[in-house]
PDB file of N, CA and C in Angstrom:
ATOM      1  N   MET A   1    -191.617-282.902  88.155  1.00  0.00           N
ATOM      2  CA  MET A   1    -190.682-283.534  89.021  1.00  0.00           C
ATOM      3  C   MET A   1    -189.449-284.079  88.702  1.00  0.00           C
ATOM      4  N   SER A   2    -188.188-283.862  89.176  1.00  0.00           N
ATOM      5  CA  SER A   2    -187.174-284.505  88.358  1.00  0.00           C
ATOM      6  C   SER A   2    -186.931-285.764  89.257  1.00  0.00           C
ATOM      7  N   SER A   3    -186.456-286.660  88.560  1.00  0.00           N
ATOM      8  CA  SER A   3    -186.468-288.095  89.253  1.00  0.00           C
ATOM      9  C   SER A   3    -184.799-287.921  89.785  1.00  0.00           C
ATOM     10  N   HIS A   4    -184.060-286.894  89.283  1.00  0.00           N
ATOM     11  CA  HIS A   4    -182.647-286.801  90.050  1.00  0.00           C
ATOM     12  C   HIS A   4    -182.677-285.839  91.008  1.00  0.00           C
ATOM     13  N   ALA A   5    -182.489-286.283  92.654  1.00  0.00           N
ATOM     14  CA  ALA A   5    -182.282-285.071  93.443  1.00  0.00           C
ATOM     15  C   ALA A   5    -180.901-285.012  93.769  1.00  0.00           C
ATOM     16  N   HIS A   6    -180.742-283.782  94.224  1.00  0.00           N
ATOM     17  CA  HIS A   6    -179.220-283.196  94.465  1.00  0.00           C
ATOM     18  C   HIS A   6    -178.723-283.792  95.831  1.00  0.00           C
ATOM     19  N   HIS A   7    -177.639-284.136  96.259  1.00  0.00           N
ATOM     20  CA  HIS A   7    -177.366-284.496  97.363  1.00  0.00           C
ATOM     21  C   HIS A   7    -176.034-284.122  97.601  1.00  0.00           C
ATOM     22  N   PRO A   8    -175.492-284.173  98.761  1.00  0.00           N
ATOM     23  CA  PRO A   8    -174.277-283.313  99.106  1.00  0.00           C
ATOM     24  C   PRO A   8    -173.052-284.674  98.661  1.00  0.00           C
ATOM     25  N   THR A   9    -171.895-283.786  98.120  1.00  0.00           N
ATOM     26  CA  THR A   9    -171.023-284.519  97.911  1.00  0.00           C
ATOM     27  C   THR A   9    -170.159-285.286  98.984  1.00  0.00           C
ATOM     28  N   VAL A  10    -169.027-286.037  98.930  1.00  0.00           N
ATOM     29  CA  VAL A  10    -168.425-286.724 100.100  1.00  0.00           C
ATOM     30  C   VAL A  10    -167.386-285.562 100.495  1.00  0.00           C
ATOM     31  N   LYS A  11    -166.910-284.413  99.542  1.00  0.00           N
ATOM     32  CA  LYS A  11    -166.417-283.397 100.019  1.00  0.00           C
ATOM     33  C   LYS A  11    -167.110-282.225 100.667  1.00  0.00           C
ATOM     34  N   THR A  12    -168.288-282.381 100.610  1.00  0.00           N
ATOM     35  CA  THR A  12    -169.204-281.322 101.358  1.00  0.00           C
ATOM     36  C   THR A  12    -169.153-282.053 102.884  1.00  0.00           C
ATOM     37  N   PHE A  13    -169.588-283.106 102.940  1.00  0.00           N
ATOM     38  CA  PHE A  13    -169.676-283.956 104.143  1.00  0.00           C
ATOM     39  C   PHE A  13    -168.324-283.890 104.992  1.00  0.00           C
ATOM     40  N   VAL A  14    -167.358-284.042 104.574  1.00  0.00           N
ATOM     41  CA  VAL A  14    -165.902-283.834 104.952  1.00  0.00           C
ATOM     42  C   VAL A  14    -165.688-282.448 105.373  1.00  0.00           C
ATOM     43  N   ALA A  15    -166.020-281.558 104.619  1.00  0.00           N
ATOM     44  CA  ALA A  15    -165.959-280.107 105.092  1.00  0.00           C
ATOM     45  C   ALA A  15    -166.503-279.803 106.265  1.00  0.00           C
ATOM     46  N   VAL A  16    -168.121-280.347 106.315  1.00  0.00           N
ATOM     47  CA  VAL A  16    -168.817-280.053 107.602  1.00  0.00           C
ATOM     48  C   VAL A  16    -168.341-280.682 108.558  1.00  0.00           C
ATOM     49  N   TRP A  17    -167.977-282.215 108.403  1.00  0.00           N
ATOM     50  CA  TRP A  17    -167.292-282.754 109.604  1.00  0.00           C
ATOM     51  C   TRP A  17    -166.303-282.349 110.325  1.00  0.00           C
ATOM     52  N   ILE A  18    -165.262-281.565 109.434  1.00  0.00           N
ATOM     53  CA  ILE A  18    -164.003-280.891 109.763  1.00  0.00           C
ATOM     54  C   ILE A  18    -164.742-279.484 110.476  1.00  0.00           C
ATOM     55  N   ALA A  19    -165.569-278.774 109.951  1.00  0.00           N
ATOM     56  CA  ALA A  19    -166.264-277.444 110.488  1.00  0.00           C
ATOM     57  C   ALA A  19    -166.954-278.065 112.227  1.00  0.00           C
ATOM     58  N   LEU A  20    -167.330-279.134 112.086  1.00  0.00           N
ATOM     59  CA  LEU A  20    -168.149-279.537 113.263  1.00  0.00           C
ATOM     60  C   LEU A  20    -166.816-279.794 114.286  1.00  0.00           C
ATOM     61  N   LEU A  21    -165.817-280.362 114.224  1.00  0.00           N
ATOM     62  CA  LEU A  21    -164.871-280.727 114.738  1.00  0.00           C
ATOM     63  C   LEU A  21    -163.923-279.566 115.302  1.00  0.00           C
ATOM     64  N   VAL A  22    -163.664-278.447 114.388  1.00  0.00           N
ATOM     65  CA  VAL A  22    -163.155-277.250 114.492  1.00  0.00           C
ATOM     66  C   VAL A  22    -164.338-276.513 115.891  1.00  0.00           C
ATOM     67  N   LEU A  23    -165.522-276.359 115.359  1.00  0.00           N
ATOM     68  CA  LEU A  23    -166.360-275.666 116.367  1.00  0.00           C
ATOM     69  C   LEU A  23    -166.650-276.308 117.835  1.00  0.00           C
ATOM     70  N   THR A  24    -166.120-277.816 117.871  1.00  0.00           N
ATOM     71  CA  THR A  24    -166.052-278.466 119.291  1.00  0.00           C
ATOM     72  C   THR A  24    -165.097-278.040 119.940  1.00  0.00           C
ATOM     73  N   ALA A  25    -164.053-277.814 119.301  1.00  0.00           N
ATOM     74  CA  ALA A  25    -162.849-277.642 119.621  1.00  0.00           C
ATOM     75  C   ALA A  25    -162.840-276.277 120.284  1.00  0.00           C
ATOM     76  N   VAL A  26    -163.411-275.267 119.674  1.00  0.00           N
ATOM     77  CA  VAL A  26    -163.778-273.644 119.992  1.00  0.00           C
ATOM     78  C   VAL A  26    -164.660-273.656 121.504  1.00  0.00           C
ATOM     79  N   THR A  27    -165.510-274.605 121.241  1.00  0.00           N
ATOM     80  CA  THR A  27    -166.466-274.730 122.401  1.00  0.00           C
ATOM     81  C   THR A  27    -165.581-274.850 123.775  1.00  0.00           C
ATOM     82  N   VAL A  28    -165.005-276.043 123.475  1.00  0.00           N
ATOM     83  CA  VAL A  28    -164.109-276.571 124.700  1.00  0.00           C
ATOM     84  C   VAL A  28    -163.042-275.339 125.302  1.00  0.00           C
ATOM     85  N   TYR A  29    -162.496-274.694 124.354  1.00  0.00           N
ATOM     86  CA  TYR A  29    -161.692-273.604 124.487  1.00  0.00           C
ATOM     87  C   TYR A  29    -162.254-272.405 125.259  1.00  0.00           C
ATOM     88  N   VAL A  30    -163.331-272.174 124.600  1.00  0.00           N
ATOM     89  CA  VAL A  30    -164.502-271.288 125.370  1.00  0.00           C
ATOM     90  C   VAL A  30    -164.922-271.300 126.696  1.00  0.00           C
ATOM     91  N   ALA A  31    -165.244-272.806 127.008  1.00  0.00           N
ATOM     92  CA  ALA A  31    -165.343-273.171 128.139  1.00  0.00           C
ATOM     93  C   ALA A  31    -164.328-272.888 129.335  1.00  0.00           C
ATOM     94  N   THR A  32    -163.201-272.772 128.772  1.00  0.00           N
ATOM     95  CA  THR A  32    -162.084-272.440 129.773  1.00  0.00           C
ATOM     96  C   THR A  32    -161.733-271.022 130.223  1.00  0.00           C
ATOM     97  N   LEU A  33    -162.644-270.033 129.213  1.00  0.00           N
ATOM     98  CA  LEU A  33    -162.508-268.395 129.471  1.00  0.00           C
ATOM     99  C   LEU A  33    -163.104-268.154 130.505  1.00  0.00           C
ATOM    100  N   ASP A  34    -163.282-267.124 131.085  1.00  0.00           N
ATOM    101  CA  ASP A  34    -164.182-266.709 131.999  1.00  0.00           C
ATOM    102  C   ASP A  34    -164.597-265.045 131.098  1.00  0.00           C
ATOM    103  N   LEU A  35    -165.944-265.582 130.680  1.00  0.00           N
ATOM    104  CA  LEU A  35    -166.278-264.546 129.648  1.00  0.00           C
ATOM    105  C   LEU A  35    -167.987-263.600 130.726  1.00  0.00           C
ATOM    106  N   GLY A  36    -167.893-264.264 131.892  1.00  0.00           N
ATOM    107  CA  GLY A  36    -168.762-263.542 132.766  1.00  0.00           C
ATOM    108  C   GLY A  36    -170.268-264.240 132.289  1.00  0.00           C
ATOM    109  N   PRO A  37    -171.121-263.048 132.180  1.00  0.00           N
ATOM    110  CA  PRO A  37    -172.468-263.726 131.711  1.00  0.00           C
ATOM    111  C   PRO A  37    -172.601-264.037 130.227  1.00  0.00           C
ATOM    112  N   LEU A  38    -171.588-263.875 129.628  1.00  0.00           N
ATOM    113  CA  LEU A  38    -171.368-263.840 127.905  1.00  0.00           C
ATOM    114  C   LEU A  38    -171.311-265.833 127.830  1.00  0.00           C
ATOM    115  N   ASN A  39    -170.777-266.362 128.777  1.00  0.00           N
ATOM    116  CA  ASN A  39    -170.412-267.767 128.588  1.00  0.00           C
ATOM    117  C   ASN A  39    -171.398-268.387 127.995  1.00  0.00           C
ATOM    118  N   PRO A  40    -172.966-268.362 128.567  1.00  0.00           N
ATOM    119  CA  PRO A  40    -173.987-269.331 127.797  1.00  0.00           C
ATOM    120  C   PRO A  40    -174.248-268.974 126.532  1.00  0.00           C
ATOM    121  N   ILE A  41    -174.301-267.486 126.677  1.00  0.00           N
ATOM    122  CA  ILE A  41    -174.589-266.995 125.146  1.00  0.00           C
ATOM    123  C   ILE A  41    -173.705-267.654 124.027  1.00  0.00           C
ATOM    124  N   VAL A  42    -172.365-267.511 124.437  1.00  0.00           N
ATOM    125  CA  VAL A  42    -171.223-267.854 123.302  1.00  0.00           C
ATOM    126  C   VAL A  42    -171.212-269.315 122.862  1.00  0.00           C
ATOM    127  N   ALA A  43    -171.439-270.331 124.062  1.00  0.00           N
ATOM    128  CA  ALA A  43    -171.753-271.460 124.030  1.00  0.00           C
ATOM    129  C   ALA A  43    -173.127-272.072 123.453  1.00  0.00           C
ATOM    130  N   LEU A  44    -174.257-271.459 123.637  1.00  0.00           N
ATOM    131  CA  LEU A  44    -175.340-271.735 122.954  1.00  0.00           C
ATOM    132  C   LEU A  44    -175.265-271.190 121.349  1.00  0.00           C
ATOM    133  N   THR A  45    -174.427-270.185 120.987  1.00  0.00           N
ATOM    134  CA  THR A  45    -174.307-269.694 119.719  1.00  0.00           C
ATOM    135  C   THR A  45    -173.632-270.710 118.751  1.00  0.00           C
ATOM    136  N   ILE A  46    -172.693-271.274 119.671  1.00  0.00           N
ATOM    137  CA  ILE A  46    -171.557-272.288 118.800  1.00  0.00           C
ATOM    138  C   ILE A  46    -172.703-273.681 118.625  1.00  0.00           C
ATOM    139  N   ALA A  47    -173.344-274.081 119.626  1.00  0.00           N
ATOM    140  CA  ALA A  47    -174.126-275.219 119.822  1.00  0.00           C
ATOM    141  C   ALA A  47    -175.247-275.058 118.655  1.00  0.00           C
ATOM    142  N   THR A  48    -175.635-273.734 118.544  1.00  0.00           N
ATOM    143  CA  THR A  48    -176.650-273.507 117.189  1.00  0.00           C
ATOM    144  C   THR A  48    -176.272-273.657 115.968  1.00  0.00           C
ATOM    145  N   VAL A  49    -174.882-273.227 115.916  1.00  0.00           N
ATOM    146  CA  VAL A  49    -174.218-273.294 114.276  1.00  0.00           C
ATOM    147  C   VAL A  49    -174.324-274.869 114.113  1.00  0.00           C
ATOM    148  N   LYS A  50    -173.684-275.418 115.069  1.00  0.00           N
ATOM    149  CA  LYS A  50    -173.215-276.866 114.920  1.00  0.00           C
ATOM    150  C   LYS A  50    -174.539-277.803 114.742  1.00  0.00           C
ATOM    151  N   ALA A  51    -175.510-277.370 115.214  1.00  0.00           N
ATOM    152  CA  ALA A  51    -177.267-278.032 115.015  1.00  0.00           C
ATOM    153  C   ALA A  51    -177.380-277.896 113.457  1.00  0.00           C
ATOM    154  N   LEU A  52    -177.342-276.558 112.967  1.00  0.00           N
ATOM    155  CA  LEU A  52    -177.880-275.961 111.863  1.00  0.00           C
ATOM    156  C   LEU A  52    -176.961-276.862 110.907  1.00  0.00           C
ATOM    157  N   LEU A  53    -175.554-277.093 110.819  1.00  0.00           N
ATOM    158  CA  LEU A  53    -174.590-277.635 110.254  1.00  0.00           C
ATOM    159  C   LEU A  53    -175.232-279.243 109.863  1.00  0.00           C
ATOM    160  N   VAL A  54    -175.531-279.876 111.102  1.00  0.00           N
ATOM    161  CA  VAL A  54    -176.100-280.940 111.092  1.00  0.00           C
ATOM    162  C   VAL A  54    -177.666-281.024 110.094  1.00  0.00           C
ATOM    163  N   LEU A  55    -178.529-280.287 110.516  1.00  0.00           N
ATOM    164  CA  LEU A  55    -179.448-280.154 110.000  1.00  0.00           C
ATOM    165  C   LEU A  55    -179.420-279.934 108.426  1.00  0.00           C
ATOM    166  N   LEU A  56    -178.547-278.832 108.297  1.00  0.00           N
ATOM    167  CA  LEU A  56    -178.786-278.819 106.592  1.00  0.00           C
ATOM    168  C   LEU A  56    -177.908-279.748 105.533  1.00  0.00           C
ATOM    169  N   PHE A  57    -177.061-280.218 106.499  1.00  0.00           N
ATOM    170  CA  PHE A  57    -175.957-281.148 105.899  1.00  0.00           C
ATOM    171  C   PHE A  57    -176.381-282.527 105.855  1.00  0.00           C
ATOM    172  N   PHE A  58    -175.882-283.059 106.962  1.00  0.00           N
ATOM    173  CA  PHE A  58    -176.390-284.342 107.367  1.00  0.00           C
ATOM    174  C   PHE A  58    -177.426-285.137 107.287  1.00  0.00           C
ATOM    175  N   MET A  59    -178.737-284.231 107.698  1.00  0.00           N
ATOM    176  CA  MET A  59    -179.825-284.327 107.485  1.00  0.00           C
ATOM    177  C   MET A  59    -180.548-284.405 106.162  1.00  0.00           C
ATOM    178  N   GLU A  60    -179.587-283.475 105.470  1.00  0.00           N
ATOM    179  CA  GLU A  60    -179.961-283.154 104.026  1.00  0.00           C
ATOM    180  C   GLU A  60    -181.255-282.106 103.811  1.00  0.00           C
ATOM    181  N   LEU A  61    -181.556-281.251 104.856  1.00  0.00           N
ATOM    182  CA  LEU A  61    -182.597-280.295 104.777  1.00  0.00           C
ATOM    183  C   LEU A  61    -182.360-279.494 104.008  1.00  0.00           C
ATOM    184  N   ARG A  62    -181.114-279.031 103.526  1.00  0.00           N
ATOM    185  CA  ARG A  62    -181.069-277.943 102.597  1.00  0.00           C
ATOM    186  C   ARG A  62    -181.303-278.469 100.962  1.00  0.00           C
ATOM    187  N   TYR A  63    -181.416-280.051 100.759  1.00  0.00           N
ATOM    188  CA  TYR A  63    -181.652-280.473  99.803  1.00  0.00           C
ATOM    189  C   TYR A  63    -183.274-281.151  99.523  1.00  0.00           C
ATOM    190  N   SER A  64    -183.922-280.769 100.712  1.00  0.00           N
ATOM    191  CA  SER A  64    -185.160-281.308 100.800  1.00  0.00           C
ATOM    192  C   SER A  64    -186.185-280.461 100.018  1.00  0.00           C
ATOM    193  N   THR A  65    -187.452-280.820 100.180  1.00  0.00           N
ATOM    194  CA  THR A  65    -188.734-280.317  99.516  1.00  0.00           C
ATOM    195  C   THR A  65    -189.089-279.014 100.463  1.00  0.00           C
ATOM    196  N   ALA A  66    -189.991-278.223  99.637  1.00  0.00           N
ATOM    197  CA  ALA A  66    -190.622-276.875 100.701  1.00  0.00           C
ATOM    198  C   ALA A  66    -191.241-277.494 101.618  1.00  0.00           C
ATOM    199  N   LEU A  67    -191.950-278.332 101.458  1.00  0.00           N
ATOM    200  CA  LEU A  67    -192.998-279.043 102.684  1.00  0.00           C
ATOM    201  C   LEU A  67    -192.343-279.786 103.864  1.00  0.00           C
ATOM    202  N   THR A  68    -191.152-280.158 103.548  1.00  0.00           N
ATOM    203  CA  THR A  68    -190.183-280.689 105.156  1.00  0.00           C
ATOM    204  C   THR A  68    -189.538-279.563 105.397  1.00  0.00           C
ATOM    205  N   LYS A  69    -189.083-278.128 104.516  1.00  0.00           N
ATOM    206  CA  LYS A  69    -188.747-277.042 105.265  1.00  0.00           C
ATOM    207  C   LYS A  69    -189.396-276.357 106.143  1.00  0.00           C
ATOM    208  N   VAL A  70    -191.064-276.351 105.528  1.00  0.00           N
ATOM    209  CA  VAL A  70    -191.921-275.761 106.201  1.00  0.00           C
ATOM    210  C   VAL A  70    -192.225-276.318 107.793  1.00  0.00           C
ATOM    211  N   GLY A  71    -192.232-277.764 107.553  1.00  0.00           N
ATOM    212  CA  GLY A  71    -192.306-278.643 108.942  1.00  0.00           C
ATOM    213  C   GLY A  71    -191.273-278.275 110.014  1.00  0.00           C
ATOM    214  N   VAL A  72    -190.001-278.295 109.501  1.00  0.00           N
ATOM    215  CA  VAL A  72    -189.072-278.362 110.245  1.00  0.00           C
ATOM    216  C   VAL A  72    -188.905-276.737 111.305  1.00  0.00           C
ATOM    217  N   THR A  73    -189.587-275.713 110.090  1.00  0.00           N
ATOM    218  CA  THR A  73    -189.466-274.336 110.617  1.00  0.00           C
ATOM    219  C   THR A  73    -190.652-274.026 111.541  1.00  0.00           C
ATOM    220  N   ALA A  74    -191.755-274.791 111.202  1.00  0.00           N
ATOM    221  CA  ALA A  74    -193.029-275.052 112.349  1.00  0.00           C
ATOM    222  C   ALA A  74    -192.437-275.576 113.637  1.00  0.00           C
ATOM    223  N   ALA A  75    -191.594-276.816 113.575  1.00  0.00           N
ATOM    224  CA  ALA A  75    -191.092-277.280 114.757  1.00  0.00           C
ATOM    225  C   ALA A  75    -190.080-276.602 115.405  1.00  0.00           C
ATOM    226  N   ILE A  76    -189.437-275.803 114.981  1.00  0.00           N
ATOM    227  CA  ILE A  76    -188.641-274.785 115.476  1.00  0.00           C
ATOM    228  C   ILE A  76    -189.166-273.425 116.309  1.00  0.00           C
ATOM    229  N   PHE A  77    -190.074-272.946 115.360  1.00  0.00           N
ATOM    230  CA  PHE A  77    -191.031-272.076 116.040  1.00  0.00           C
ATOM    231  C   PHE A  77    -191.841-272.413 117.380  1.00  0.00           C
ATOM    232  N   PHE A  78    -192.202-273.557 117.405  1.00  0.00           N
ATOM    233  CA  PHE A  78    -193.009-274.230 118.414  1.00  0.00           C
ATOM    234  C   PHE A  78    -192.230-274.231 119.616  1.00  0.00           C
ATOM    235  N   LEU A  79    -190.976-274.766 119.640  1.00  0.00           N
ATOM    236  CA  LEU A  79    -189.905-274.966 120.542  1.00  0.00           C
ATOM    237  C   LEU A  79    -189.573-273.502 121.118  1.00  0.00           C
ATOM    238  N   LEU A  80    -189.556-272.645 119.955  1.00  0.00           N
ATOM    239  CA  LEU A  80    -189.088-271.065 120.622  1.00  0.00           C
ATOM    240  C   LEU A  80    -190.274-270.511 121.294  1.00  0.00           C
ATOM    241  N   ILE A  81    -191.554-271.023 121.030  1.00  0.00           N
ATOM    242  CA  ILE A  81    -192.624-270.487 122.012  1.00  0.00           C
ATOM    243  C   ILE A  81    -192.521-270.867 123.220  1.00  0.00           C
ATOM    244  N   LEU A  82    -192.315-272.632 123.192  1.00  0.00           N
ATOM    245  CA  LEU A  82    -192.159-273.324 124.647  1.00  0.00           C
ATOM    246  C   LEU A  82    -191.241-272.500 125.425  1.00  0.00           C
ATOM    247  N   ILE A  83    -190.157-272.452 124.855  1.00  0.00           N
ATOM    248  CA  ILE A  83    -188.958-271.852 125.696  1.00  0.00           C
ATOM    249  C   ILE A  83    -189.087-270.242 126.051  1.00  0.00           C
ATOM    250  N   TRP A  84    -189.857-269.548 125.242  1.00  0.00           N
ATOM    251  CA  TRP A  84    -190.598-268.230 125.920  1.00  0.00           C
ATOM    252  C   TRP A  84    -191.367-268.324 126.783  1.00  0.00           C
ATOM    253  N   LEU A  85    -192.390-269.061 126.918  1.00  0.00           N
ATOM    254  CA  LEU A  85    -193.382-269.376 127.842  1.00  0.00           C
ATOM    255  C   LEU A  85    -192.590-269.571 129.243  1.00  0.00           C
ATOM    256  N   THR A  86    -191.769-270.924 129.128  1.00  0.00           N
ATOM    257  CA  THR A  86    -191.110-271.464 130.324  1.00  0.00           C
ATOM    258  C   THR A  86    -190.107-270.079 131.051  1.00  0.00           C
ATOM    259  N   LEU A  87    -189.610-269.529 130.086  1.00  0.00           N
ATOM    260  CA  LEU A  87    -188.796-268.234 130.446  1.00  0.00           C
ATOM    261  C   LEU A  87    -189.727-267.130 131.302  1.00  0.00           C
ATOM    262  N   SER A  88    -190.950-266.982 130.386  1.00  0.00           N
ATOM    263  CA  SER A  88    -191.609-266.043 130.791  1.00  0.00           C
ATOM    264  C   SER A  88    -192.363-266.185 132.406  1.00  0.00           C
ATOM    265  N   ASP A  89    -192.422-267.715 132.671  1.00  0.00           N
ATOM    266  CA  ASP A  89    -192.935-267.867 133.822  1.00  0.00           C
ATOM    267  C   ASP A  89    -191.710-267.820 135.029  1.00  0.00           C
ATOM    268  N   TYR A  90    -190.280-268.230 134.576  1.00  0.00           N
ATOM    269  CA  TYR A  90    -189.275-268.366 135.401  1.00  0.00           C
ATOM    270  C   TYR A  90    -188.918-266.971 135.934  1.00  0.00           C
ATOM    271  N   LEU A  91    -189.052-266.068 134.924  1.00  0.00           N
ATOM    272  CA  LEU A  91    -188.309-264.858 135.323  1.00  0.00           C
ATOM    273  C   LEU A  91    -189.571-263.928 135.864  1.00  0.00           C
ATOM    274  N   THR A  92    -190.605-264.218 136.028  1.00  0.00           N
ATOM    275  CA  THR A  92    -191.695-263.410 136.651  1.00  0.00           C
ATOM    276  C   THR A  92    -191.992-263.654 137.993  1.00  0.00           C
ATOM    277  N   ARG A  93    -191.690-264.765 138.593  1.00  0.00           N
ATOM    278  CA  ARG A  93    -191.912-265.370 139.824  1.00  0.00           C
ATOM    279  C   ARG A  93    -191.435-264.503 140.891  1.00  0.00           C
ATOM    280  N   GLY A  94    -192.239-264.416 142.024  1.00  0.00           N
ATOM    281  CA  GLY A  94    -191.568-263.821 143.233  1.00  0.00           C
ATOM    282  C   GLY A  94    -190.592-264.658 144.048  1.00  0.00           C
ATOM    283  N   TRP A  95    -189.643-264.833 143.944  1.00  0.00           N
ATOM    284  CA  TRP A  95    -188.586-265.862 144.445  1.00  0.00           C
ATOM    285  C   TRP A  95    -188.391-265.364 146.146  1.00  0.00           C
ATOM    286  N   SER A  96    -188.549-264.089 146.715  1.00  0.00           N
ATOM    287  CA  SER A  96    -188.823-264.012 147.923  1.00  0.00           C
ATOM    288  C   SER A  96    -189.824-265.069 148.637  1.00  0.00           C
ATOM    289  N   SER A  97    -191.081-265.302 148.078  1.00  0.00           N
ATOM    290  CA  SER A  97    -192.011-266.095 148.666  1.00  0.00           C
ATOM    291  C   SER A  97    -191.355-267.551 148.502  1.00  0.00           C
ATOM    292  N   TYR A  98    -190.518-267.859 147.821  1.00  0.00           N
ATOM    293  CA  TYR A  98    -189.988-269.229 147.588  1.00  0.00           C
ATOM    294  C   TYR A  98    -188.950-269.547 148.528  1.00  0.00           C
ATOM    295  N   ILE A  99    -188.452-268.570 149.142  1.00  0.00           N
ATOM    296  CA  ILE A  99    -187.250-268.822 150.514  1.00  0.00           C
ATOM    297  C   ILE A  99    -187.856-268.981 151.527  1.00  0.00           C
ATOM    298  N   HIS A 100    -188.974-268.272 151.873  1.00  0.00           N
ATOM    299  CA  HIS A 100    -189.521-268.513 153.169  1.00  0.00           C
ATOM    300  C   HIS A 100    -191.004-268.793 152.935  1.00  0.00           C
ATOM    301  N   PRO A 101    -191.195-270.171 152.628  1.00  0.00           N
ATOM    302  CA  PRO A 101    -192.782-270.037 152.211  1.00  0.00           C
ATOM    303  C   PRO A 101    -193.834-270.079 153.369  1.00  0.00           C
ATOM    304  N   PHE A 102    -193.355-270.190 154.489  1.00  0.00           N
ATOM    305  CA  PHE A 102    -194.259-270.233 155.708  1.00  0.00           C
ATOM    306  C   PHE A 102    -194.501-268.925 156.241  1.00  0.00           C
ATOM    307  N   HIS A 103    -193.836-267.942 155.929  1.00  0.00           N
ATOM    308  CA  HIS A 103    -194.171-266.569 156.607  1.00  0.00           C
ATOM    309  C   HIS A 103    -195.159-265.599 155.661  1.00  0.00           C
TER     310      HIS A 103
END
């Protein structure tokens, strides 16, 4: 095992920071557009890219050990399972029975 771990340079941090600022500006701009049902998809895609940049560079996941990457992958997979279960419940409810619960 090497005693010298690789870390991002200041130049990398500045580039990622600028990318995050640009993506934030894009998010604000896209929020003013009427994309219909695509608005949340576009907003969540931009937010996911920003979260990945933070994870990979500011939290140095890109330079972490394989065990750390497995842990983060497992956490993300578990989160996706929770989202899937929540959406499957929400999307399969009979909403008409909730509108008039006493009929």
